[in-house]
Amino acid sequence: MKKNKILIGVLSTSLLLSGLAVTSPVSAESIASNEKLIENSNNEVSDFKMINQTDKTLKYTYTQNGENFMVEEEFLSESEVTSTVFIKNKETGEYEKDDIITTSYLKDEEVVVQNSESLGEIDRIHINPKVDYNAPTAPTINHSELLSQTGKSAKSISPLASSESWKYYSTSNGTSTPTRWLVGAIGITISAITKVPATAKWVVNIANLTYQLGSKAVYYKYVYYKRGSGISTETLTHRYIYTDSGRTKAVGRSTTLSGRTGMKVISTQTY
């Protein structure tokens, strides 16, 4: 068995795309033994097939660099998934365990962390969008428009008077580079960005779509609106997910409402 091929692909792609350093030591021997693979690999994935999908588990196969892989993923919680990676033995035709990768969203630190059973921590991705206040012409949203966008009732969205408009506040842009070969890992990152639990079918579908489109990163944009004043101030946030750096066409959106009672997701949409 050719050990850790999936992980070398993860490491090389993550380093090239995000510029992040591996945050725990990876032995020189491990990297050197796979140097040729890193140099020659284009890391393209093909022949993806979802074998089984439930509320808590995923099982799928794919081909990468001439090798056949199978991945079994289990969501341990709304913010953590374990991915057991198998590689097909060309002589026996049997899938053999290659590694286990655990992907976790640490809410207090706003980071997504990936740990390999064999290599330790292999990635640490910050979910920290950059705020851009330079959009003074953005329109306000009145309550009827908001209801039309989300399909929700006035009572479910806000206790404030329905005649009050949401005023544009700011826009944030961000980029994250989760491993694109692990659907559950992408799901954890999508969850961290959209605030929708990773076990939700909407998140898994968006993660799967991101995977199928071959995106090397997840691009996102937050658009904030506010209304009210003092302790009654509320913030409405549209959280858009894109697969292109220009953010020209969203693949999905969640809408959250924040106020004195906390934050809640009031709608999701797939485009």
C-alpha atoms as a PDB file:
ATOM      1  CA  MET A   1       0.000   0.000   0.000  1.00  0.00           C
ATOM      2  CA  LYS A   2       1.285   3.478  -0.854  1.00  0.00           C
ATOM      3  CA  LYS A   3       0.788   5.234   2.460  1.00  0.00           C
ATOM      4  CA  ASN A   4      -0.501   8.780   2.824  1.00  0.00           C
ATOM      5  CA  LYS A   5      -1.036   9.638  -0.841  1.00  0.00           C
ATOM      6  CA  ILE A   6      -4.256  11.421   0.059  1.00  0.00           C
ATOM      7  CA  LEU A   7      -2.485  13.406   2.770  1.00  0.00           C
ATOM      8  CA  ILE A   8       0.393  14.481   0.554  1.00  0.00           C
ATOM      9  CA  GLY A   9      -2.184  15.774  -1.923  1.00  0.00           C
ATOM     10  CA  VAL A  10      -3.910  17.642   0.881  1.00  0.00           C
ATOM     11  CA  LEU A  11      -0.688  19.133   2.181  1.00  0.00           C
ATOM     12  CA  SER A  12       0.731  20.231  -1.171  1.00  0.00           C
ATOM     13  CA  THR A  13      -2.539  21.772  -2.350  1.00  0.00           C
ATOM     14  CA  SER A  14      -3.207  23.524   0.955  1.00  0.00           C
ATOM     15  CA  LEU A  15       0.259  25.032   1.051  1.00  0.00           C
ATOM     16  CA  LEU A  16       0.132  26.182  -2.561  1.00  0.00           C
ATOM     17  CA  LEU A  17      -3.355  27.659  -2.431  1.00  0.00           C
ATOM     18  CA  SER A  18      -3.588  29.199   1.011  1.00  0.00           C
ATOM     19  CA  GLY A  19       0.022  29.977   1.859  1.00  0.00           C
ATOM     20  CA  LEU A  20      -0.578  28.499   5.308  1.00  0.00           C
ATOM     21  CA  ALA A  21       2.224  26.650   7.052  1.00  0.00           C
ATOM     22  CA  VAL A  22       1.686  23.201   8.544  1.00  0.00           C
ATOM     23  CA  THR A  23       1.268  23.957  12.232  1.00  0.00           C
ATOM     24  CA  SER A  24       2.821  20.796  13.611  1.00  0.00           C
ATOM     25  CA  PRO A  25       6.019  19.049  12.512  1.00  0.00           C
ATOM     26  CA  VAL A  26       5.828  16.718   9.509  1.00  0.00           C
ATOM     27  CA  SER A  27       8.887  14.495   9.260  1.00  0.00           C
ATOM     28  CA  ALA A  28      11.380  15.192   6.512  1.00  0.00           C
ATOM     29  CA  GLU A  29      11.285  11.475   5.716  1.00  0.00           C
ATOM     30  CA  SER A  30       7.517  11.562   5.096  1.00  0.00           C
ATOM     31  CA  ILE A  31       7.837  14.476   2.694  1.00  0.00           C
ATOM     32  CA  ALA A  32      10.996  13.248   0.988  1.00  0.00           C
ATOM     33  CA  SER A  33       9.554   9.792   0.354  1.00  0.00           C
ATOM     34  CA  ASN A  34       6.688  11.379  -1.538  1.00  0.00           C
ATOM     35  CA  GLU A  35       8.622  14.168  -3.244  1.00  0.00           C
ATOM     36  CA  LYS A  36       8.186  12.682  -6.706  1.00  0.00           C
ATOM     37  CA  LEU A  37       4.448  12.310  -6.163  1.00  0.00           C
ATOM     38  CA  ILE A  38       4.129  15.964  -5.132  1.00  0.00           C
ATOM     39  CA  GLU A  39       6.094  17.152  -8.161  1.00  0.00           C
ATOM     40  CA  ASN A  40       4.167  15.059 -10.679  1.00  0.00           C
ATOM     41  CA  SER A  41       0.684  15.209  -9.166  1.00  0.00           C
ATOM     42  CA  ASN A  42      -1.972  17.523 -10.535  1.00  0.00           C
ATOM     43  CA  ASN A  43      -4.277  16.431  -7.676  1.00  0.00           C
ATOM     44  CA  GLU A  44      -7.289  16.270  -9.981  1.00  0.00           C
ATOM     45  CA  VAL A  45     -10.157  14.107  -8.810  1.00  0.00           C
ATOM     46  CA  SER A  46     -12.393  12.144 -11.190  1.00  0.00           C
ATOM     47  CA  ASP A  47     -15.067   9.426 -11.169  1.00  0.00           C
ATOM     48  CA  PHE A  48     -16.657  10.652  -7.961  1.00  0.00           C
ATOM     49  CA  LYS A  49     -19.522   8.446  -6.799  1.00  0.00           C
ATOM     50  CA  MET A  50     -21.641   8.919  -3.675  1.00  0.00           C
ATOM     51  CA  ILE A  51     -22.380   5.415  -2.402  1.00  0.00           C
ATOM     52  CA  ASN A  52     -24.355   6.253   0.713  1.00  0.00           C
ATOM     53  CA  GLN A  53     -25.538   9.403   2.482  1.00  0.00           C
ATOM     54  CA  THR A  54     -27.415   9.679   5.773  1.00  0.00           C
ATOM     55  CA  ASP A  55     -27.895  12.473   8.310  1.00  0.00           C
ATOM     56  CA  LYS A  56     -24.652  11.493  10.056  1.00  0.00           C
ATOM     57  CA  THR A  57     -22.544   9.567   7.529  1.00  0.00           C
ATOM     58  CA  LEU A  58     -21.173   9.768   3.972  1.00  0.00           C
ATOM     59  CA  LYS A  59     -19.498   7.119   1.867  1.00  0.00           C
ATOM     60  CA  TYR A  60     -18.055   7.783  -1.574  1.00  0.00           C
ATOM     61  CA  THR A  61     -15.310   6.770  -3.991  1.00  0.00           C
ATOM     62  CA  TYR A  62     -13.126   8.679  -6.443  1.00  0.00           C
ATOM     63  CA  THR A  63      -9.966   8.397  -8.516  1.00  0.00           C
ATOM     64  CA  GLN A  64      -6.902  10.587  -8.038  1.00  0.00           C
ATOM     65  CA  ASN A  65      -3.528  10.316  -9.784  1.00  0.00           C
ATOM     66  CA  GLY A  66      -4.359   6.829 -11.041  1.00  0.00           C
ATOM     67  CA  GLU A  67      -5.290   5.555  -7.584  1.00  0.00           C
ATOM     68  CA  ASN A  68      -8.785   4.593  -6.412  1.00  0.00           C
ATOM     69  CA  PHE A  69      -9.939   5.887  -3.036  1.00  0.00           C
ATOM     70  CA  MET A  70     -12.919   5.284  -0.802  1.00  0.00           C
ATOM     71  CA  VAL A  71     -13.870   7.624   2.029  1.00  0.00           C
ATOM     72  CA  GLU A  72     -16.213   6.942   4.934  1.00  0.00           C
ATOM     73  CA  GLU A  73     -17.141  10.051   6.926  1.00  0.00           C
ATOM     74  CA  GLU A  74     -19.013  10.361  10.194  1.00  0.00           C
ATOM     75  CA  PHE A  75     -20.207  13.603  11.756  1.00  0.00           C
ATOM     76  CA  LEU A  76     -19.424  13.352  15.458  1.00  0.00           C
ATOM     77  CA  SER A  77     -21.208  16.648  16.091  1.00  0.00           C
ATOM     78  CA  GLU A  78     -22.404  19.715  14.222  1.00  0.00           C
ATOM     79  CA  SER A  79     -18.817  20.941  14.062  1.00  0.00           C
ATOM     80  CA  GLU A  80     -16.643  17.814  13.768  1.00  0.00           C
ATOM     81  CA  VAL A  81     -16.265  15.020  11.218  1.00  0.00           C
ATOM     82  CA  THR A  82     -13.936  12.036  10.965  1.00  0.00           C
ATOM     83  CA  SER A  83     -12.892  10.874   7.492  1.00  0.00           C
ATOM     84  CA  THR A  84     -11.498   7.370   7.137  1.00  0.00           C
ATOM     85  CA  VAL A  85      -9.602   7.153   3.851  1.00  0.00           C
ATOM     86  CA  PHE A  86      -9.032   3.827   2.055  1.00  0.00           C
ATOM     87  CA  ILE A  87      -6.860   3.183  -0.995  1.00  0.00           C
ATOM     88  CA  LYS A  88      -7.518   0.305  -3.390  1.00  0.00           C
ATOM     89  CA  ASN A  89      -4.825  -2.340  -3.576  1.00  0.00           C
ATOM     90  CA  LYS A  90      -4.219  -2.878  -7.303  1.00  0.00           C
ATOM     91  CA  GLU A  91      -3.107  -6.467  -6.762  1.00  0.00           C
ATOM     92  CA  THR A  92      -5.961  -7.683  -4.560  1.00  0.00           C
ATOM     93  CA  GLY A  93      -8.670  -5.202  -5.565  1.00  0.00           C
ATOM     94  CA  GLU A  94      -9.425  -4.637  -1.877  1.00  0.00           C
ATOM     95  CA  TYR A  95      -9.645  -1.243  -0.191  1.00  0.00           C
ATOM     96  CA  GLU A  96      -7.085  -0.831   2.583  1.00  0.00           C
ATOM     97  CA  LYS A  97      -7.086   1.836   5.272  1.00  0.00           C
ATOM     98  CA  ASP A  98      -4.730   4.720   4.487  1.00  0.00           C
ATOM     99  CA  ASP A  99      -5.447   7.236   7.215  1.00  0.00           C
ATOM    100  CA  ILE A 100      -8.071   8.951   9.360  1.00  0.00           C
ATOM    101  CA  ILE A 101      -8.521  12.728   9.122  1.00  0.00           C
ATOM    102  CA  THR A 102     -10.527  14.657  11.707  1.00  0.00           C
ATOM    103  CA  THR A 103     -11.841  18.096  10.757  1.00  0.00           C
ATOM    104  CA  SER A 104     -13.142  20.372  13.519  1.00  0.00           C
ATOM    105  CA  TYR A 105     -14.523  23.888  13.736  1.00  0.00           C
ATOM    106  CA  LEU A 106     -13.286  25.687  16.871  1.00  0.00           C
ATOM    107  CA  LYS A 107     -15.944  28.331  17.328  1.00  0.00           C
ATOM    108  CA  ASP A 108     -14.155  30.377  19.989  1.00  0.00           C
ATOM    109  CA  GLU A 109     -11.075  30.714  17.778  1.00  0.00           C
ATOM    110  CA  GLU A 110     -13.014  30.924  14.465  1.00  0.00           C
ATOM    111  CA  VAL A 111     -10.725  28.322  12.906  1.00  0.00           C
ATOM    112  CA  VAL A 112     -11.156  24.996  11.126  1.00  0.00           C
ATOM    113  CA  VAL A 113      -8.480  22.464  12.105  1.00  0.00           C
ATOM    114  CA  GLN A 114      -7.555  19.216  10.345  1.00  0.00           C
ATOM    115  CA  ASN A 115      -5.655  16.425  12.100  1.00  0.00           C
ATOM    116  CA  SER A 116      -4.238  13.288  10.495  1.00  0.00           C
ATOM    117  CA  GLU A 117      -3.916  10.100  12.515  1.00  0.00           C
ATOM    118  CA  SER A 118      -0.438   9.565  11.028  1.00  0.00           C
ATOM    119  CA  LEU A 119       0.886  13.128  10.618  1.00  0.00           C
ATOM    120  CA  GLY A 120      -0.811  15.128  13.367  1.00  0.00           C
ATOM    121  CA  GLU A 121      -2.150  18.603  12.587  1.00  0.00           C
ATOM    122  CA  ILE A 122      -2.006  19.248   8.847  1.00  0.00           C
ATOM    123  CA  ASP A 123      -4.039  22.439   8.455  1.00  0.00           C
ATOM    124  CA  ARG A 124      -5.491  25.356  10.399  1.00  0.00           C
ATOM    125  CA  ILE A 125      -7.817  27.651   8.459  1.00  0.00           C
ATOM    126  CA  HIS A 126      -9.082  30.958   9.851  1.00  0.00           C
ATOM    127  CA  ILE A 127     -12.679  31.951   9.109  1.00  0.00           C
ATOM    128  CA  ASN A 128     -11.992  35.667   9.261  1.00  0.00           C
ATOM    129  CA  PRO A 129     -13.514  37.729   6.421  1.00  0.00           C
ATOM    130  CA  LYS A 130     -12.206  41.204   5.659  1.00  0.00           C
ATOM    131  CA  VAL A 131     -14.743  43.966   6.143  1.00  0.00           C
ATOM    132  CA  ASP A 132     -15.318  46.420   3.307  1.00  0.00           C
ATOM    133  CA  TYR A 133     -17.397  49.462   4.221  1.00  0.00           C
ATOM    134  CA  ASN A 134     -17.078  51.013   0.755  1.00  0.00           C
ATOM    135  CA  ALA A 135     -20.557  50.266  -0.545  1.00  0.00           C
ATOM    136  CA  PRO A 136     -22.616  53.379   0.321  1.00  0.00           C
ATOM    137  CA  THR A 137     -25.062  52.888  -2.546  1.00  0.00           C
ATOM    138  CA  ALA A 138     -26.292  49.471  -1.386  1.00  0.00           C
ATOM    139  CA  PRO A 139     -30.084  49.554  -1.068  1.00  0.00           C
ATOM    140  CA  THR A 140     -32.097  49.151   2.080  1.00  0.00           C
ATOM    141  CA  ILE A 141     -34.407  46.154   2.375  1.00  0.00           C
ATOM    142  CA  ASN A 142     -37.968  46.687   3.526  1.00  0.00           C
ATOM    143  CA  HIS A 143     -39.743  43.997   5.465  1.00  0.00           C
ATOM    144  CA  SER A 144     -41.885  42.723   2.602  1.00  0.00           C
ATOM    145  CA  GLU A 145     -38.783  42.263   0.429  1.00  0.00           C
ATOM    146  CA  LEU A 146     -37.103  40.339   3.234  1.00  0.00           C
ATOM    147  CA  LEU A 147     -40.104  38.052   3.603  1.00  0.00           C
ATOM    148  CA  SER A 148     -40.083  37.459  -0.140  1.00  0.00           C
ATOM    149  CA  GLN A 149     -36.379  36.524  -0.029  1.00  0.00           C
ATOM    150  CA  THR A 150     -36.646  34.140   2.891  1.00  0.00           C
ATOM    151  CA  GLY A 151     -40.193  32.835   2.617  1.00  0.00           C
ATOM    152  CA  LYS A 152     -40.720  33.453   6.312  1.00  0.00           C
ATOM    153  CA  SER A 153     -43.481  35.166   8.259  1.00  0.00           C
ATOM    154  CA  ALA A 154     -42.972  38.576   9.842  1.00  0.00           C
ATOM    155  CA  LYS A 155     -43.341  37.079  13.327  1.00  0.00           C
ATOM    156  CA  SER A 156     -40.648  34.471  12.733  1.00  0.00           C
ATOM    157  CA  ILE A 157     -38.125  37.031  11.543  1.00  0.00           C
ATOM    158  CA  SER A 158     -38.480  39.921  13.952  1.00  0.00           C
ATOM    159  CA  PRO A 159     -40.662  41.381  16.678  1.00  0.00           C
ATOM    160  CA  LEU A 160     -40.000  44.877  15.374  1.00  0.00           C
ATOM    161  CA  ALA A 161     -42.577  46.804  13.365  1.00  0.00           C
ATOM    162  CA  SER A 162     -42.791  45.350   9.867  1.00  0.00           C
ATOM    163  CA  SER A 163     -42.742  48.827   8.334  1.00  0.00           C
ATOM    164  CA  GLU A 164     -39.151  49.496   9.432  1.00  0.00           C
ATOM    165  CA  SER A 165     -36.541  48.950   6.734  1.00  0.00           C
ATOM    166  CA  TRP A 166     -33.238  47.160   7.126  1.00  0.00           C
ATOM    167  CA  LYS A 167     -30.425  49.625   6.404  1.00  0.00           C
ATOM    168  CA  TYR A 168     -27.260  48.471   4.704  1.00  0.00           C
ATOM    169  CA  TYR A 169     -24.301  48.367   7.104  1.00  0.00           C
ATOM    170  CA  SER A 170     -21.236  46.650   5.561  1.00  0.00           C
ATOM    171  CA  THR A 171     -19.864  43.865   3.376  1.00  0.00           C
ATOM    172  CA  SER A 172     -17.194  41.287   4.232  1.00  0.00           C
ATOM    173  CA  ASN A 173     -15.282  39.012   1.876  1.00  0.00           C
ATOM    174  CA  GLY A 174     -13.321  35.898   2.782  1.00  0.00           C
ATOM    175  CA  THR A 175     -11.623  32.823   1.326  1.00  0.00           C
ATOM    176  CA  SER A 176     -11.117  29.381   2.820  1.00  0.00           C
ATOM    177  CA  THR A 177      -9.205  26.421   1.387  1.00  0.00           C
ATOM    178  CA  PRO A 178     -10.477  23.181   2.893  1.00  0.00           C
ATOM    179  CA  THR A 179      -9.467  19.869   1.431  1.00  0.00           C
ATOM    180  CA  ARG A 180     -11.624  19.544  -1.641  1.00  0.00           C
ATOM    181  CA  TRP A 181     -11.356  15.758  -1.736  1.00  0.00           C
ATOM    182  CA  LEU A 182     -13.232  15.260   1.522  1.00  0.00           C
ATOM    183  CA  VAL A 183     -16.871  16.282   1.312  1.00  0.00           C
ATOM    184  CA  GLY A 184     -17.406  16.227   5.084  1.00  0.00           C
ATOM    185  CA  ALA A 185     -14.371  18.444   5.632  1.00  0.00           C
ATOM    186  CA  ILE A 186     -15.761  20.966   3.164  1.00  0.00           C
ATOM    187  CA  GLY A 187     -19.076  20.685   5.021  1.00  0.00           C
ATOM    188  CA  ILE A 188     -17.425  21.702   8.302  1.00  0.00           C
ATOM    189  CA  THR A 189     -15.994  24.789   6.604  1.00  0.00           C
ATOM    190  CA  ILE A 190     -19.337  25.628   4.947  1.00  0.00           C
ATOM    191  CA  SER A 191     -20.966  25.288   8.373  1.00  0.00           C
ATOM    192  CA  ALA A 192     -18.408  27.619   9.957  1.00  0.00           C
ATOM    193  CA  ILE A 193     -19.073  30.222   7.271  1.00  0.00           C
ATOM    194  CA  THR A 194     -22.872  29.980   7.071  1.00  0.00           C
ATOM    195  CA  LYS A 195     -23.600  29.095  10.744  1.00  0.00           C
ATOM    196  CA  VAL A 196     -25.802  26.220   9.578  1.00  0.00           C
ATOM    197  CA  PRO A 197     -25.011  22.906  11.368  1.00  0.00           C
ATOM    198  CA  ALA A 198     -22.658  20.696   9.347  1.00  0.00           C
ATOM    199  CA  THR A 199     -25.091  17.792   9.691  1.00  0.00           C
ATOM    200  CA  ALA A 200     -27.830  19.726   7.898  1.00  0.00           C
ATOM    201  CA  LYS A 201     -28.696  18.343   4.471  1.00  0.00           C
ATOM    202  CA  TRP A 202     -28.327  21.830   2.948  1.00  0.00           C
ATOM    203  CA  VAL A 203     -24.683  22.039   4.086  1.00  0.00           C
ATOM    204  CA  VAL A 204     -23.814  18.572   2.774  1.00  0.00           C
ATOM    205  CA  ASN A 205     -25.452  19.388  -0.560  1.00  0.00           C
ATOM    206  CA  ILE A 206     -23.506  22.659  -0.885  1.00  0.00           C
ATOM    207  CA  ALA A 207     -20.277  20.846   0.079  1.00  0.00           C
ATOM    208  CA  ASN A 208     -20.976  18.120  -2.469  1.00  0.00           C
ATOM    209  CA  LEU A 209     -21.740  20.722  -5.139  1.00  0.00           C
ATOM    210  CA  THR A 210     -18.502  22.559  -4.306  1.00  0.00           C
ATOM    211  CA  TYR A 211     -16.655  19.256  -4.652  1.00  0.00           C
ATOM    212  CA  GLN A 212     -18.325  18.338  -7.943  1.00  0.00           C
ATOM    213  CA  LEU A 213     -17.478  21.736  -9.430  1.00  0.00           C
ATOM    214  CA  GLY A 214     -13.818  21.112  -8.636  1.00  0.00           C
ATOM    215  CA  SER A 215     -13.390  24.302  -6.638  1.00  0.00           C
ATOM    216  CA  LYS A 216      -9.959  24.643  -5.073  1.00  0.00           C
ATOM    217  CA  ALA A 217     -11.301  27.030  -2.434  1.00  0.00           C
ATOM    218  CA  VAL A 218     -14.501  28.271  -0.884  1.00  0.00           C
ATOM    219  CA  TYR A 219     -15.114  31.984  -1.388  1.00  0.00           C
ATOM    220  CA  TYR A 220     -17.702  33.782   0.654  1.00  0.00           C
ATOM    221  CA  LYS A 221     -19.303  37.149   1.229  1.00  0.00           C
ATOM    222  CA  TYR A 222     -21.301  38.516   4.149  1.00  0.00           C
ATOM    223  CA  VAL A 223     -23.712  41.403   3.559  1.00  0.00           C
ATOM    224  CA  TYR A 224     -24.932  43.040   6.769  1.00  0.00           C
ATOM    225  CA  TYR A 225     -28.098  45.049   7.365  1.00  0.00           C
ATOM    226  CA  LYS A 226     -29.214  46.663  10.610  1.00  0.00           C
ATOM    227  CA  ARG A 227     -32.364  48.168  12.043  1.00  0.00           C
ATOM    228  CA  GLY A 228     -33.573  49.416  15.412  1.00  0.00           C
ATOM    229  CA  SER A 229     -31.477  51.129  18.061  1.00  0.00           C
ATOM    230  CA  GLY A 230     -30.014  50.452  21.471  1.00  0.00           C
ATOM    231  CA  ILE A 231     -30.792  47.038  22.918  1.00  0.00           C
ATOM    232  CA  SER A 232     -33.406  46.546  20.183  1.00  0.00           C
ATOM    233  CA  THR A 233     -30.813  46.696  17.398  1.00  0.00           C
ATOM    234  CA  GLU A 234     -30.944  43.704  15.085  1.00  0.00           C
ATOM    235  CA  THR A 235     -28.486  42.557  12.419  1.00  0.00           C
ATOM    236  CA  LEU A 236     -29.518  40.644   9.339  1.00  0.00           C
ATOM    237  CA  THR A 237     -26.672  38.880   7.526  1.00  0.00           C
ATOM    238  CA  HIS A 238     -26.781  37.263   4.098  1.00  0.00           C
ATOM    239  CA  ARG A 239     -23.914  34.728   3.916  1.00  0.00           C
ATOM    240  CA  TYR A 240     -23.129  33.805   0.293  1.00  0.00           C
ATOM    241  CA  ILE A 241     -20.970  30.859  -0.846  1.00  0.00           C
ATOM    242  CA  TYR A 242     -19.066  30.976  -4.167  1.00  0.00           C
ATOM    243  CA  THR A 243     -16.706  28.670  -6.041  1.00  0.00           C
ATOM    244  CA  ASP A 244     -15.013  31.475  -8.008  1.00  0.00           C
ATOM    245  CA  SER A 245     -12.687  34.137  -6.648  1.00  0.00           C
ATOM    246  CA  GLY A 246     -14.602  36.878  -8.448  1.00  0.00           C
ATOM    247  CA  ARG A 247     -17.727  35.951  -6.489  1.00  0.00           C
ATOM    248  CA  THR A 248     -19.838  36.297  -9.607  1.00  0.00           C
ATOM    249  CA  LYS A 249     -22.376  33.547  -8.989  1.00  0.00           C
ATOM    250  CA  ALA A 250     -23.322  32.186  -5.578  1.00  0.00           C
ATOM    251  CA  VAL A 251     -24.010  28.468  -5.157  1.00  0.00           C
ATOM    252  CA  GLY A 252     -25.827  28.974  -1.871  1.00  0.00           C
ATOM    253  CA  ARG A 253     -26.845  31.452   0.802  1.00  0.00           C
ATOM    254  CA  SER A 254     -27.858  31.392   4.432  1.00  0.00           C
ATOM    255  CA  THR A 255     -29.534  34.291   6.220  1.00  0.00           C
ATOM    256  CA  THR A 256     -28.980  34.857   9.935  1.00  0.00           C
ATOM    257  CA  LEU A 257     -30.658  37.213  12.361  1.00  0.00           C
ATOM    258  CA  SER A 258     -28.818  38.522  15.424  1.00  0.00           C
ATOM    259  CA  GLY A 259     -30.308  40.461  18.297  1.00  0.00           C
ATOM    260  CA  ARG A 260     -30.570  40.553  22.054  1.00  0.00           C
ATOM    261  CA  THR A 261     -31.706  36.907  22.141  1.00  0.00           C
ATOM    262  CA  GLY A 262     -28.722  35.675  20.140  1.00  0.00           C
ATOM    263  CA  MET A 263     -28.249  34.577  16.545  1.00  0.00           C
ATOM    264  CA  LYS A 264     -30.383  32.166  14.535  1.00  0.00           C
ATOM    265  CA  VAL A 265     -30.485  30.950  10.946  1.00  0.00           C
ATOM    266  CA  ILE A 266     -33.802  31.992   9.405  1.00  0.00           C
ATOM    267  CA  SER A 267     -33.376  30.653   5.873  1.00  0.00           C
ATOM    268  CA  THR A 268     -31.096  28.796   3.452  1.00  0.00           C
ATOM    269  CA  GLN A 269     -31.121  28.714  -0.323  1.00  0.00           C
ATOM    270  CA  THR A 270     -29.325  26.798  -3.066  1.00  0.00           C
ATOM    271  CA  TYR A 271     -28.917  28.552  -6.412  1.00  0.00           C
END
